[in-house]
PDB file of N, CA and C in Angstrom:
ATOM      1  N   UNK A   1       0.817  -1.193   0.000  1.00  0.00           N
ATOM      2  CA  UNK A   1       0.000   0.000   0.000  1.00  0.00           C
ATOM      3  C   UNK A   1       0.865   1.263   0.000  1.00  0.00           C
ATOM      4  N   UNK A   2       2.012   1.224   0.687  1.00  0.00           N
ATOM      5  CA  UNK A   2       2.854   2.408   0.793  1.00  0.00           C
ATOM      6  C   UNK A   2       3.241   2.944  -0.576  1.00  0.00           C
ATOM      7  N   UNK A   3       3.656   2.069  -1.486  1.00  0.00           N
ATOM      8  CA  UNK A   3       4.046   2.527  -2.815  1.00  0.00           C
ATOM      9  C   UNK A   3       2.879   3.160  -3.551  1.00  0.00           C
ATOM     10  N   UNK A   4       1.693   2.614  -3.407  1.00  0.00           N
ATOM     11  CA  UNK A   4       0.520   3.177  -4.059  1.00  0.00           C
ATOM     12  C   UNK A   4       0.255   4.585  -3.544  1.00  0.00           C
ATOM     13  N   UNK A   5       0.360   4.772  -2.238  1.00  0.00           N
ATOM     14  CA  UNK A   5       0.151   6.093  -1.650  1.00  0.00           C
ATOM     15  C   UNK A   5       1.232   7.049  -2.130  1.00  0.00           C
ATOM     16  N   UNK A   6       2.476   6.615  -2.095  1.00  0.00           N
ATOM     17  CA  UNK A   6       3.578   7.482  -2.481  1.00  0.00           C
ATOM     18  C   UNK A   6       3.589   7.785  -3.977  1.00  0.00           C
ATOM     19  N   UNK A   7       2.892   6.986  -4.776  1.00  0.00           N
ATOM     20  CA  UNK A   7       2.776   7.271  -6.210  1.00  0.00           C
ATOM     21  C   UNK A   7       2.035   8.585  -6.467  1.00  0.00           C
ATOM     22  N   UNK A   8       1.330   9.073  -5.477  1.00  0.00           N
ATOM     23  CA  UNK A   8       0.605  10.333  -5.611  1.00  0.00           C
ATOM     24  C   UNK A   8       1.528  11.543  -5.500  1.00  0.00           C
ATOM     25  N   UNK A   9       2.763  11.334  -5.073  1.00  0.00           N
ATOM     26  CA  UNK A   9       3.719  12.421  -4.905  1.00  0.00           C
ATOM     27  C   UNK A   9       4.598  12.498  -6.147  1.00  0.00           C
ATOM     28  N   UNK A  10       4.713  13.706  -6.695  1.00  0.00           N
ATOM     29  CA  UNK A  10       5.556  13.902  -7.864  1.00  0.00           C
ATOM     30  C   UNK A  10       6.587  14.990  -7.575  1.00  0.00           C
ATOM     31  N   UNK A  11       7.761  14.795  -8.133  1.00  0.00           N
ATOM     32  CA  UNK A  11       8.822  15.792  -8.026  1.00  0.00           C
ATOM     33  C   UNK A  11       9.296  16.092  -9.443  1.00  0.00           C
ATOM     34  N   UNK A  12       8.959  17.286  -9.898  1.00  0.00           N
ATOM     35  CA  UNK A  12       9.313  17.716 -11.242  1.00  0.00           C
ATOM     36  C   UNK A  12      10.108  19.018 -11.137  1.00  0.00           C
ATOM     37  N   UNK A  13      11.281  19.087 -11.750  1.00  0.00           N
ATOM     38  CA  UNK A  13      12.137  20.273 -11.612  1.00  0.00           C
ATOM     39  C   UNK A  13      11.446  21.588 -11.981  1.00  0.00           C
ATOM     40  N   UNK A  14      10.546  21.561 -12.942  1.00  0.00           N
ATOM     41  CA  UNK A  14       9.909  22.790 -13.419  1.00  0.00           C
ATOM     42  C   UNK A  14       8.580  23.109 -12.720  1.00  0.00           C
ATOM     43  N   UNK A  15       8.223  22.324 -11.725  1.00  0.00           N
ATOM     44  CA  UNK A  15       6.964  22.538 -11.015  1.00  0.00           C
ATOM     45  C   UNK A  15       7.248  22.864  -9.558  1.00  0.00           C
ATOM     46  N   UNK A  16       6.823  24.020  -9.126  1.00  0.00           N
ATOM     47  CA  UNK A  16       7.003  24.461  -7.729  1.00  0.00           C
ATOM     48  C   UNK A  16       8.460  24.359  -7.289  1.00  0.00           C
ATOM     49  N   UNK A  17       9.360  24.758  -8.170  1.00  0.00           N
ATOM     50  CA  UNK A  17      10.804  24.756  -7.885  1.00  0.00           C
ATOM     51  C   UNK A  17      11.332  23.384  -7.474  1.00  0.00           C
ATOM     52  N   UNK A  18      10.730  22.338  -8.001  1.00  0.00           N
ATOM     53  CA  UNK A  18      11.200  20.989  -7.720  1.00  0.00           C
ATOM     54  C   UNK A  18      10.752  20.425  -6.385  1.00  0.00           C
ATOM     55  N   UNK A  19       9.888  21.142  -5.683  1.00  0.00           N
ATOM     56  CA  UNK A  19       9.373  20.626  -4.406  1.00  0.00           C
ATOM     57  C   UNK A  19       8.394  19.485  -4.684  1.00  0.00           C
ATOM     58  N   UNK A  20       8.293  18.541  -3.750  1.00  0.00           N
ATOM     59  CA  UNK A  20       7.314  17.463  -3.913  1.00  0.00           C
ATOM     60  C   UNK A  20       5.889  18.022  -3.946  1.00  0.00           C
ATOM     61  N   UNK A  21       5.133  17.596  -4.935  1.00  0.00           N
ATOM     62  CA  UNK A  21       3.755  18.057  -5.087  1.00  0.00           C
ATOM     63  C   UNK A  21       2.804  16.870  -5.100  1.00  0.00           C
ATOM     64  N   UNK A  22       1.539  17.195  -4.979  1.00  0.00           N
ATOM     65  CA  UNK A  22       0.490  16.182  -5.020  1.00  0.00           C
ATOM     66  C   UNK A  22       0.056  15.987  -6.469  1.00  0.00           C
ATOM     67  N   UNK A  23       0.284  14.802  -6.997  1.00  0.00           N
ATOM     68  CA  UNK A  23      -0.169  14.400  -8.339  1.00  0.00           C
ATOM     69  C   UNK A  23       0.165  15.396  -9.428  1.00  0.00           C
ATOM     70  N   UNK A  24       1.304  16.073  -9.313  1.00  0.00           N
ATOM     71  CA  UNK A  24       1.703  17.009 -10.344  1.00  0.00           C
ATOM     72  C   UNK A  24       0.914  18.305 -10.343  1.00  0.00           C
ATOM     73  N   UNK A  25       0.091  18.482  -9.327  1.00  0.00           N
ATOM     74  CA  UNK A  25      -0.666  19.724  -9.187  1.00  0.00           C
ATOM     75  C   UNK A  25       0.225  20.756  -8.494  1.00  0.00           C
ATOM     76  N   UNK A  26      -0.192  21.965  -8.453  1.00  0.00           N
ATOM     77  CA  UNK A  26       0.605  23.017  -7.825  1.00  0.00           C
ATOM     78  C   UNK A  26       0.313  23.141  -6.326  1.00  0.00           C
ATOM     79  N   UNK A  27       0.098  22.025  -5.697  1.00  0.00           N
ATOM     80  CA  UNK A  27      -0.057  21.964  -4.239  1.00  0.00           C
ATOM     81  C   UNK A  27       1.090  21.114  -3.715  1.00  0.00           C
ATOM     82  N   UNK A  28       1.938  21.718  -2.888  1.00  0.00           N
ATOM     83  CA  UNK A  28       3.108  20.990  -2.396  1.00  0.00           C
ATOM     84  C   UNK A  28       2.780  20.180  -1.144  1.00  0.00           C
ATOM     85  N   UNK A  29       3.601  19.179  -0.921  1.00  0.00           N
ATOM     86  CA  UNK A  29       3.514  18.400   0.312  1.00  0.00           C
ATOM     87  C   UNK A  29       3.676  19.346   1.499  1.00  0.00           C
ATOM     88  N   UNK A  30       4.583  20.281   1.366  1.00  0.00           N
ATOM     89  CA  UNK A  30       4.831  21.255   2.435  1.00  0.00           C
ATOM     90  C   UNK A  30       3.562  22.032   2.783  1.00  0.00           C
ATOM     91  N   UNK A  31       2.799  22.435   1.785  1.00  0.00           N
ATOM     92  CA  UNK A  31       1.556  23.164   2.024  1.00  0.00           C
ATOM     93  C   UNK A  31       0.581  22.332   2.839  1.00  0.00           C
ATOM     94  N   UNK A  32       0.433  21.076   2.453  1.00  0.00           N
ATOM     95  CA  UNK A  32      -0.473  20.175   3.178  1.00  0.00           C
ATOM     96  C   UNK A  32      -0.017  20.034   4.621  1.00  0.00           C
ATOM     97  N   UNK A  33       1.271  19.828   4.829  1.00  0.00           N
ATOM     98  CA  UNK A  33       1.802  19.665   6.181  1.00  0.00           C
ATOM     99  C   UNK A  33       1.635  20.936   7.010  1.00  0.00           C
ATOM    100  N   UNK A  34       1.770  22.096   6.372  1.00  0.00           N
ATOM    101  CA  UNK A  34       1.566  23.357   7.085  1.00  0.00           C
ATOM    102  C   UNK A  34       0.122  23.474   7.579  1.00  0.00           C
ATOM    103  N   UNK A  35      -0.815  23.154   6.726  1.00  0.00           N
ATOM    104  CA  UNK A  35      -2.218  23.174   7.142  1.00  0.00           C
ATOM    105  C   UNK A  35      -2.447  22.243   8.329  1.00  0.00           C
ATOM    106  N   UNK A  36      -1.935  21.028   8.222  1.00  0.00           N
ATOM    107  CA  UNK A  36      -2.132  20.055   9.305  1.00  0.00           C
ATOM    108  C   UNK A  36      -1.467  20.515  10.599  1.00  0.00           C
ATOM    109  N   UNK A  37      -0.267  21.087  10.494  1.00  0.00           N
ATOM    110  CA  UNK A  37       0.451  21.515  11.697  1.00  0.00           C
ATOM    111  C   UNK A  37      -0.221  22.702  12.375  1.00  0.00           C
ATOM    112  N   UNK A  38      -1.013  23.462  11.615  1.00  0.00           N
ATOM    113  CA  UNK A  38      -1.740  24.597  12.177  1.00  0.00           C
ATOM    114  C   UNK A  38      -3.103  24.196  12.726  1.00  0.00           C
ATOM    115  N   UNK A  39      -3.391  22.898  12.679  1.00  0.00           N
ATOM    116  CA  UNK A  39      -4.627  22.406  13.280  1.00  0.00           C
ATOM    117  C   UNK A  39      -5.768  22.169  12.324  1.00  0.00           C
ATOM    118  N   UNK A  40      -5.551  22.422  11.046  1.00  0.00           N
ATOM    119  CA  UNK A  40      -6.611  22.145  10.080  1.00  0.00           C
ATOM    120  C   UNK A  40      -6.781  20.638   9.933  1.00  0.00           C
ATOM    121  N   UNK A  41      -7.994  20.210   9.727  1.00  0.00           N
ATOM    122  CA  UNK A  41      -8.277  18.790   9.520  1.00  0.00           C
ATOM    123  C   UNK A  41      -8.170  18.455   8.034  1.00  0.00           C
ATOM    124  N   UNK A  42      -8.150  17.183   7.749  1.00  0.00           N
ATOM    125  CA  UNK A  42      -8.155  16.742   6.353  1.00  0.00           C
ATOM    126  C   UNK A  42      -9.402  17.276   5.650  1.00  0.00           C
ATOM    127  N   UNK A  43     -10.508  17.289   6.361  1.00  0.00           N
ATOM    128  CA  UNK A  43     -11.759  17.789   5.778  1.00  0.00           C
ATOM    129  C   UNK A  43     -11.643  19.274   5.435  1.00  0.00           C
ATOM    130  N   UNK A  44     -10.974  20.053   6.309  1.00  0.00           N
ATOM    131  CA  UNK A  44     -10.763  21.479   6.029  1.00  0.00           C
ATOM    132  C   UNK A  44      -9.965  21.667   4.741  1.00  0.00           C
ATOM    133  N   UNK A  45      -8.914  20.869   4.592  1.00  0.00           N
ATOM    134  CA  UNK A  45      -8.058  20.966   3.408  1.00  0.00           C
ATOM    135  C   UNK A  45      -8.836  20.585   2.155  1.00  0.00           C
ATOM    136  N   UNK A  46      -9.606  19.513   2.252  1.00  0.00           N
ATOM    137  CA  UNK A  46     -10.398  19.066   1.099  1.00  0.00           C
ATOM    138  C   UNK A  46     -11.457  20.091   0.714  1.00  0.00           C
ATOM    139  N   UNK A  47     -11.972  20.800   1.685  1.00  0.00           N
ATOM    140  CA  UNK A  47     -12.955  21.848   1.392  1.00  0.00           C
ATOM    141  C   UNK A  47     -12.279  23.026   0.685  1.00  0.00           C
ATOM    142  N   UNK A  48     -11.066  23.359   1.130  1.00  0.00           N
ATOM    143  CA  UNK A  48     -10.334  24.471   0.517  1.00  0.00           C
ATOM    144  C   UNK A  48      -9.815  24.118  -0.876  1.00  0.00           C
ATOM    145  N   UNK A  49      -9.494  22.860  -1.075  1.00  0.00           N
ATOM    146  CA  UNK A  49      -8.942  22.376  -2.349  1.00  0.00           C
ATOM    147  C   UNK A  49      -9.774  21.176  -2.817  1.00  0.00           C
ATOM    148  N   UNK A  50     -10.950  21.418  -3.384  1.00  0.00           N
ATOM    149  CA  UNK A  50     -11.868  20.317  -3.723  1.00  0.00           C
ATOM    150  C   UNK A  50     -11.328  19.330  -4.758  1.00  0.00           C
ATOM    151  N   UNK A  51     -10.265  19.691  -5.465  1.00  0.00           N
ATOM    152  CA  UNK A  51      -9.684  18.764  -6.446  1.00  0.00           C
ATOM    153  C   UNK A  51      -8.757  17.746  -5.787  1.00  0.00           C
ATOM    154  N   UNK A  52      -8.463  17.926  -4.493  1.00  0.00           N
ATOM    155  CA  UNK A  52      -7.659  16.943  -3.771  1.00  0.00           C
ATOM    156  C   UNK A  52      -8.548  15.818  -3.253  1.00  0.00           C
ATOM    157  N   UNK A  53      -7.918  14.700  -2.950  1.00  0.00           N
ATOM    158  CA  UNK A  53      -8.612  13.543  -2.385  1.00  0.00           C
ATOM    159  C   UNK A  53      -7.980  13.210  -1.043  1.00  0.00           C
ATOM    160  N   UNK A  54      -8.733  12.524  -0.209  1.00  0.00           N
ATOM    161  CA  UNK A  54      -8.239  12.144   1.122  1.00  0.00           C
ATOM    162  C   UNK A  54      -6.900  11.418   1.018  1.00  0.00           C
ATOM    163  N   UNK A  55      -6.757  10.581   0.008  1.00  0.00           N
ATOM    164  CA  UNK A  55      -5.519   9.828  -0.192  1.00  0.00           C
ATOM    165  C   UNK A  55      -4.330  10.739  -0.492  1.00  0.00           C
ATOM    166  N   UNK A  56      -4.589  11.907  -1.061  1.00  0.00           N
ATOM    167  CA  UNK A  56      -3.515  12.868  -1.316  1.00  0.00           C
ATOM    168  C   UNK A  56      -2.926  13.372   0.000  1.00  0.00           C
ATOM    169  N   UNK A  57      -3.780  13.640   0.959  1.00  0.00           N
ATOM    170  CA  UNK A  57      -3.321  14.107   2.264  1.00  0.00           C
ATOM    171  C   UNK A  57      -2.554  13.001   2.969  1.00  0.00           C
ATOM    172  N   UNK A  58      -3.063  11.790   2.903  1.00  0.00           N
ATOM    173  CA  UNK A  58      -2.356  10.648   3.486  1.00  0.00           C
ATOM    174  C   UNK A  58      -1.002  10.470   2.824  1.00  0.00           C
ATOM    175  N   UNK A  59      -0.937  10.681   1.523  1.00  0.00           N
ATOM    176  CA  UNK A  59       0.323  10.545   0.797  1.00  0.00           C
ATOM    177  C   UNK A  59       1.334  11.598   1.241  1.00  0.00           C
ATOM    178  N   UNK A  60       0.874  12.819   1.489  1.00  0.00           N
ATOM    179  CA  UNK A  60       1.769  13.884   1.947  1.00  0.00           C
ATOM    180  C   UNK A  60       2.381  13.522   3.292  1.00  0.00           C
ATOM    181  N   UNK A  61       1.572  13.021   4.193  1.00  0.00           N
ATOM    182  CA  UNK A  61       2.070  12.624   5.517  1.00  0.00           C
ATOM    183  C   UNK A  61       3.014  11.432   5.388  1.00  0.00           C
ATOM    184  N   UNK A  62       2.652  10.454   4.571  1.00  0.00           N
ATOM    185  CA  UNK A  62       3.503   9.277   4.375  1.00  0.00           C
ATOM    186  C   UNK A  62       4.846   9.664   3.762  1.00  0.00           C
ATOM    187  N   UNK A  63       4.824  10.589   2.820  1.00  0.00           N
ATOM    188  CA  UNK A  63       6.056  11.059   2.182  1.00  0.00           C
ATOM    189  C   UNK A  63       6.959  11.745   3.204  1.00  0.00           C
ATOM    190  N   UNK A  64       6.371  12.603   4.018  1.00  0.00           N
ATOM    191  CA  UNK A  64       7.148  13.304   5.045  1.00  0.00           C
ATOM    192  C   UNK A  64       7.739  12.306   6.046  1.00  0.00           C
ATOM    193  N   UNK A  65       6.961  11.336   6.458  1.00  0.00           N
ATOM    194  CA  UNK A  65       7.441  10.327   7.396  1.00  0.00           C
ATOM    195  C   UNK A  65       8.580   9.521   6.790  1.00  0.00           C
ATOM    196  N   UNK A  66       8.426   9.138   5.540  1.00  0.00           N
ATOM    197  CA  UNK A  66       9.464   8.366   4.852  1.00  0.00           C
ATOM    198  C   UNK A  66      10.763   9.170   4.778  1.00  0.00           C
ATOM    199  N   UNK A  67      10.661  10.442   4.443  1.00  0.00           N
ATOM    200  CA  UNK A  67      11.849  11.286   4.350  1.00  0.00           C
ATOM    201  C   UNK A  67      12.470  11.551   5.702  1.00  0.00           C
ATOM    202  N   UNK A  68      11.653  11.719   6.714  1.00  0.00           N
ATOM    203  CA  UNK A  68      12.164  11.947   8.055  1.00  0.00           C
ATOM    204  C   UNK A  68      12.944  10.737   8.541  1.00  0.00           C
ATOM    205  N   UNK A  69      12.459   9.562   8.222  1.00  0.00           N
ATOM    206  CA  UNK A  69      13.136   8.344   8.672  1.00  0.00           C
ATOM    207  C   UNK A  69      14.465   8.127   7.951  1.00  0.00           C
ATOM    208  N   UNK A  70      14.651   8.774   6.806  1.00  0.00           N
ATOM    209  CA  UNK A  70      15.884   8.621   6.031  1.00  0.00           C
ATOM    210  C   UNK A  70      16.936   9.674   6.362  1.00  0.00           C
ATOM    211  N   UNK A  71      16.542  10.723   7.094  1.00  0.00           N
ATOM    212  CA  UNK A  71      17.463  11.818   7.354  1.00  0.00           C
ATOM    213  C   UNK A  71      17.914  11.829   8.819  1.00  0.00           C
ATOM    214  N   UNK A  72      19.120  12.313   8.991  1.00  0.00           N
ATOM    215  CA  UNK A  72      19.646  12.501  10.333  1.00  0.00           C
ATOM    216  C   UNK A  72      19.060  13.780  10.902  1.00  0.00           C
ATOM    217  N   UNK A  73      18.638  13.745  12.128  1.00  0.00           N
ATOM    218  CA  UNK A  73      18.005  14.891  12.732  1.00  0.00           C
ATOM    219  C   UNK A  73      18.994  15.653  13.604  1.00  0.00           C
ATOM    220  N   UNK A  74      19.368  16.845  13.171  1.00  0.00           N
ATOM    221  CA  UNK A  74      20.297  17.680  13.917  1.00  0.00           C
ATOM    222  C   UNK A  74      19.603  18.856  14.608  1.00  0.00           C
ATOM    223  N   UNK A  75      18.297  18.819  14.695  1.00  0.00           N
ATOM    224  CA  UNK A  75      17.550  19.908  15.307  1.00  0.00           C
ATOM    225  C   UNK A  75      17.704  19.819  16.816  1.00  0.00           C
ATOM    226  N   UNK A  76      18.040  20.951  17.428  1.00  0.00           N
ATOM    227  CA  UNK A  76      18.161  21.028  18.879  1.00  0.00           C
ATOM    228  C   UNK A  76      16.863  21.601  19.434  1.00  0.00           C
ATOM    229  N   UNK A  77      16.202  20.829  20.268  1.00  0.00           N
ATOM    230  CA  UNK A  77      14.960  21.282  20.873  1.00  0.00           C
ATOM    231  C   UNK A  77      15.251  21.964  22.206  1.00  0.00           C
ATOM    232  N   UNK A  78      14.457  22.956  22.526  1.00  0.00           N
ATOM    233  CA  UNK A  78      14.620  23.630  23.829  1.00  0.00           C
ATOM    234  C   UNK A  78      14.250  22.662  24.940  1.00  0.00           C
ATOM    235  N   UNK A  79      15.001  22.722  26.006  1.00  0.00           N
ATOM    236  CA  UNK A  79      14.678  21.820  27.133  1.00  0.00           C
ATOM    237  C   UNK A  79      14.061  22.553  28.287  1.00  0.00           C
TER     238      UNK A  79
END
């Protein structure tokens, strides 16, 4: 299932400066994650962008998780 979900993410050099986008549309994974991090629900996002599907939002989160697991985290959190 993971590959099917991640197939919704496209990275094209000439689209959104090469940032990962949803299905080649001009909506970036980053945009979706920003909405979610600000407390918007998947339903809120789908209402704002009716051409998106629930699976697109799931794909954005899955893509971010996959990339996070592949990168070393050097962020220092306040204690």
